[in-house]
Every structure is written in C-alpha cells, then in structure tokens.
Protein backbone atom coordinates (compact mmCIF):
# COMPACT_ATOMS: atom_id res chain seq x y z
CA MET A 1 -0.06 -0.10 0.07
CA ARG A 2 1.23 3.44 -0.61
CA VAL A 3 0.43 6.61 1.57
CA VAL A 4 1.22 10.31 2.19
CA PHE A 5 1.26 11.92 5.61
CA ASP A 6 0.46 15.46 5.56
CA THR A 7 2.88 17.73 7.28
CA ASN A 8 0.91 17.87 10.43
CA ILE A 9 0.95 14.03 10.71
CA LEU A 10 4.80 14.02 10.10
CA ILE A 11 5.12 16.35 13.04
CA SER A 12 2.80 14.42 15.44
CA SER A 13 4.32 11.05 14.50
CA SER A 14 7.76 12.25 14.95
CA LEU A 15 7.48 14.34 17.96
CA TRP A 16 4.88 12.64 20.23
CA TYR A 17 5.23 8.95 20.84
CA ASN A 18 1.92 8.46 22.45
CA SER A 19 0.14 9.95 19.53
CA VAL A 20 -2.32 8.26 17.25
CA ALA A 21 -0.12 9.40 14.54
CA TYR A 22 3.13 7.83 16.03
CA LYS A 23 1.17 4.39 16.40
CA LEU A 24 -0.09 4.68 12.87
CA LEU A 25 3.46 5.10 11.52
CA ILE A 26 4.91 2.20 13.47
CA LYS A 27 2.36 0.05 12.15
CA LEU A 28 2.70 1.07 8.51
CA ILE A 29 6.47 0.72 8.95
CA LYS A 30 5.99 -2.80 10.23
CA GLU A 31 3.39 -3.53 7.49
CA ASP A 32 6.02 -2.51 4.98
CA THR A 33 3.59 0.16 3.79
CA GLN A 34 5.43 2.87 1.37
CA ILE A 35 4.94 6.29 2.74
CA PHE A 36 5.60 9.15 0.43
CA THR A 37 6.80 12.84 0.57
CA THR A 38 8.56 15.51 -1.28
CA VAL A 39 11.28 17.89 -0.88
CA GLU A 40 8.76 20.70 -0.42
CA ILE A 41 6.78 18.69 2.29
CA LEU A 42 10.19 18.18 4.19
CA ASP A 43 11.20 21.84 3.81
CA GLU A 44 7.79 22.83 5.32
CA TYR A 45 8.40 20.23 8.12
CA ALA A 46 11.87 21.48 8.87
CA LYS A 47 10.67 25.15 8.94
CA ILE A 48 7.83 24.04 11.60
CA LEU A 49 10.51 22.23 13.79
CA LYS A 50 12.70 25.41 13.91
CA ARG A 51 10.07 27.78 14.33
CA ASP A 52 7.49 26.34 16.51
CA PHE A 53 9.69 23.93 18.38
CA ARG A 54 12.95 25.85 18.39
CA TYR A 55 14.79 23.05 17.01
CA SER A 56 18.68 23.71 15.69
CA ASP A 57 19.58 23.19 12.21
CA GLU A 58 21.40 20.20 13.51
CA GLU A 59 18.66 18.84 15.26
CA THR A 60 16.53 19.34 12.45
CA ASN A 61 18.67 17.57 9.71
CA TYR A 62 19.21 14.57 12.26
CA ILE A 63 15.55 14.12 12.50
CA ILE A 64 14.97 14.46 8.89
CA SER A 65 17.72 11.80 8.12
CA LYS A 66 15.87 9.33 10.13
CA LEU A 67 12.53 10.07 8.70
CA LEU A 68 14.20 9.45 5.12
CA SER A 69 15.00 6.02 6.35
CA PHE A 70 11.51 5.11 5.84
CA LEU A 71 9.91 7.84 3.68
CA LYS A 72 10.32 7.82 -0.02
CA ILE A 73 10.73 10.78 -1.97
CA VAL A 74 8.44 11.40 -5.16
CA LYS A 75 9.15 14.46 -7.64
CA PRO A 76 5.77 15.66 -8.73
CA ILE A 77 5.89 16.85 -12.31
CA GLU A 78 2.66 19.02 -12.20
CA LYS A 79 1.10 21.52 -9.86
CA PHE A 80 -2.40 21.34 -8.81
CA TYR A 81 -4.60 24.42 -7.60
CA VAL A 82 -7.63 22.36 -5.95
CA VAL A 83 -7.35 23.90 -2.54
CA LYS A 84 -7.99 27.75 -2.71
CA GLU A 85 -8.22 28.32 0.94
CA ASP A 86 -4.80 27.27 1.74
CA PRO A 87 -2.57 26.59 -1.55
CA ASP A 88 0.10 25.11 0.36
CA ASP A 89 -1.93 22.17 0.83
CA ASN A 90 -1.95 21.47 -2.94
CA LYS A 91 1.63 20.15 -2.32
CA ILE A 92 0.31 17.07 -0.24
CA LEU A 93 -2.36 16.28 -3.11
CA GLU A 94 0.64 16.43 -5.79
CA CYS A 95 2.55 14.05 -3.82
CA ALA A 96 -0.35 11.56 -3.34
CA TYR A 97 -1.15 11.71 -6.90
CA PHE A 98 2.34 11.25 -8.41
CA SER A 99 3.19 8.59 -5.83
CA ASN A 100 -0.11 6.67 -6.85
CA SER A 101 -0.90 6.58 -3.20
CA LYS A 102 -4.42 5.21 -1.98
CA PHE A 103 -4.66 7.55 1.10
CA ILE A 104 -3.69 10.86 2.43
CA ILE A 105 -3.35 10.90 6.35
CA THR A 106 -3.91 14.47 7.58
CA TYR A 107 -5.80 16.40 10.51
CA ASP A 108 -5.82 19.51 7.96
CA ASN A 109 -9.60 20.70 7.49
CA HIS A 110 -9.03 22.10 3.87
CA LEU A 111 -7.74 18.77 2.95
CA LEU A 112 -10.19 16.85 4.97
CA LYS A 113 -13.15 18.59 3.32
CA LEU A 114 -12.32 17.11 -0.01
CA LYS A 115 -12.73 13.63 1.33
CA GLU A 116 -11.14 12.25 -1.79
CA PHE A 117 -8.85 13.44 -4.79
CA LYS A 118 -8.64 11.75 -7.77
CA GLY A 119 -9.47 8.17 -6.44
CA ILE A 120 -7.24 8.97 -3.20
CA LYS A 121 -9.12 8.78 0.06
CA ILE A 122 -8.23 11.74 2.36
CA ILE A 123 -8.60 10.49 6.19
CA LYS A 124 -7.40 11.15 9.61
CA PRO A 125 -5.22 8.67 11.29
CA GLU A 126 -8.01 7.35 13.43
CA GLU A 127 -10.04 6.41 10.79
CA PHE A 128 -6.97 4.38 8.80
C-alpha cells in the first residue's frame, strides 16, 4: 500500500510517541507500507521544527535523516490548484497523485473537506 502523511501528521508522528499518528506510523512501517513525501513537504516540516519547536539546524537535519530511512521521496511533475483556501496544501495532493498513493493521512480541515482526490481517500489517522 502507498500513503502520504501531511506535514502535521509527520510532526505528530515524529515528536509525540503517544500520539495516534505515531502508533499508525509504527504500524505502517511494520507492514512495509510505502510512505511518500516530497522535498517541499520536508522543507515545510523543517521550517516548523525550527520555528515552532525551536530545534537547531543540526537537530532538524538529524530528525529528517531518520525520517528518510522510511519515507520515499517523489518529485511531482505538475502543480495542482485545488485547495484555494490554503494553496500550500496542494503539495500534499501532488505528492499523493504522483506517488500513486491510495490514502492521504491528515488532520488538515482543508484537505479533509475534499474527502477524496482523484481516487485518493483523505482521512484522519484514527480512521485509517
């Protein structure tokens, strides 16, 4: 199976070990599920770690190196303009589409409102 974690799920699954997102991440890794991301998503992740959690560049790079042990990077070849309220969310749709993922896992309301995009289900970790 192929899935995409939104940036907020990456944060939750990598910083809070009691979170539903973390438990889902461990389950998916054990099941050998492919989890996709993009450089753009990882850049946003790094920005949030530094800005909101005050991680240093060194700490951020270390965490991202750990994430890359199980995340697969995809390079979208087209931009989508589906989410008008928060255009940054479109990078999640692009990642899912160009990785042929079946699910987007997110807590983002703009994405959750869509429920589905080009056959890709958009759900919360609890629903997965």
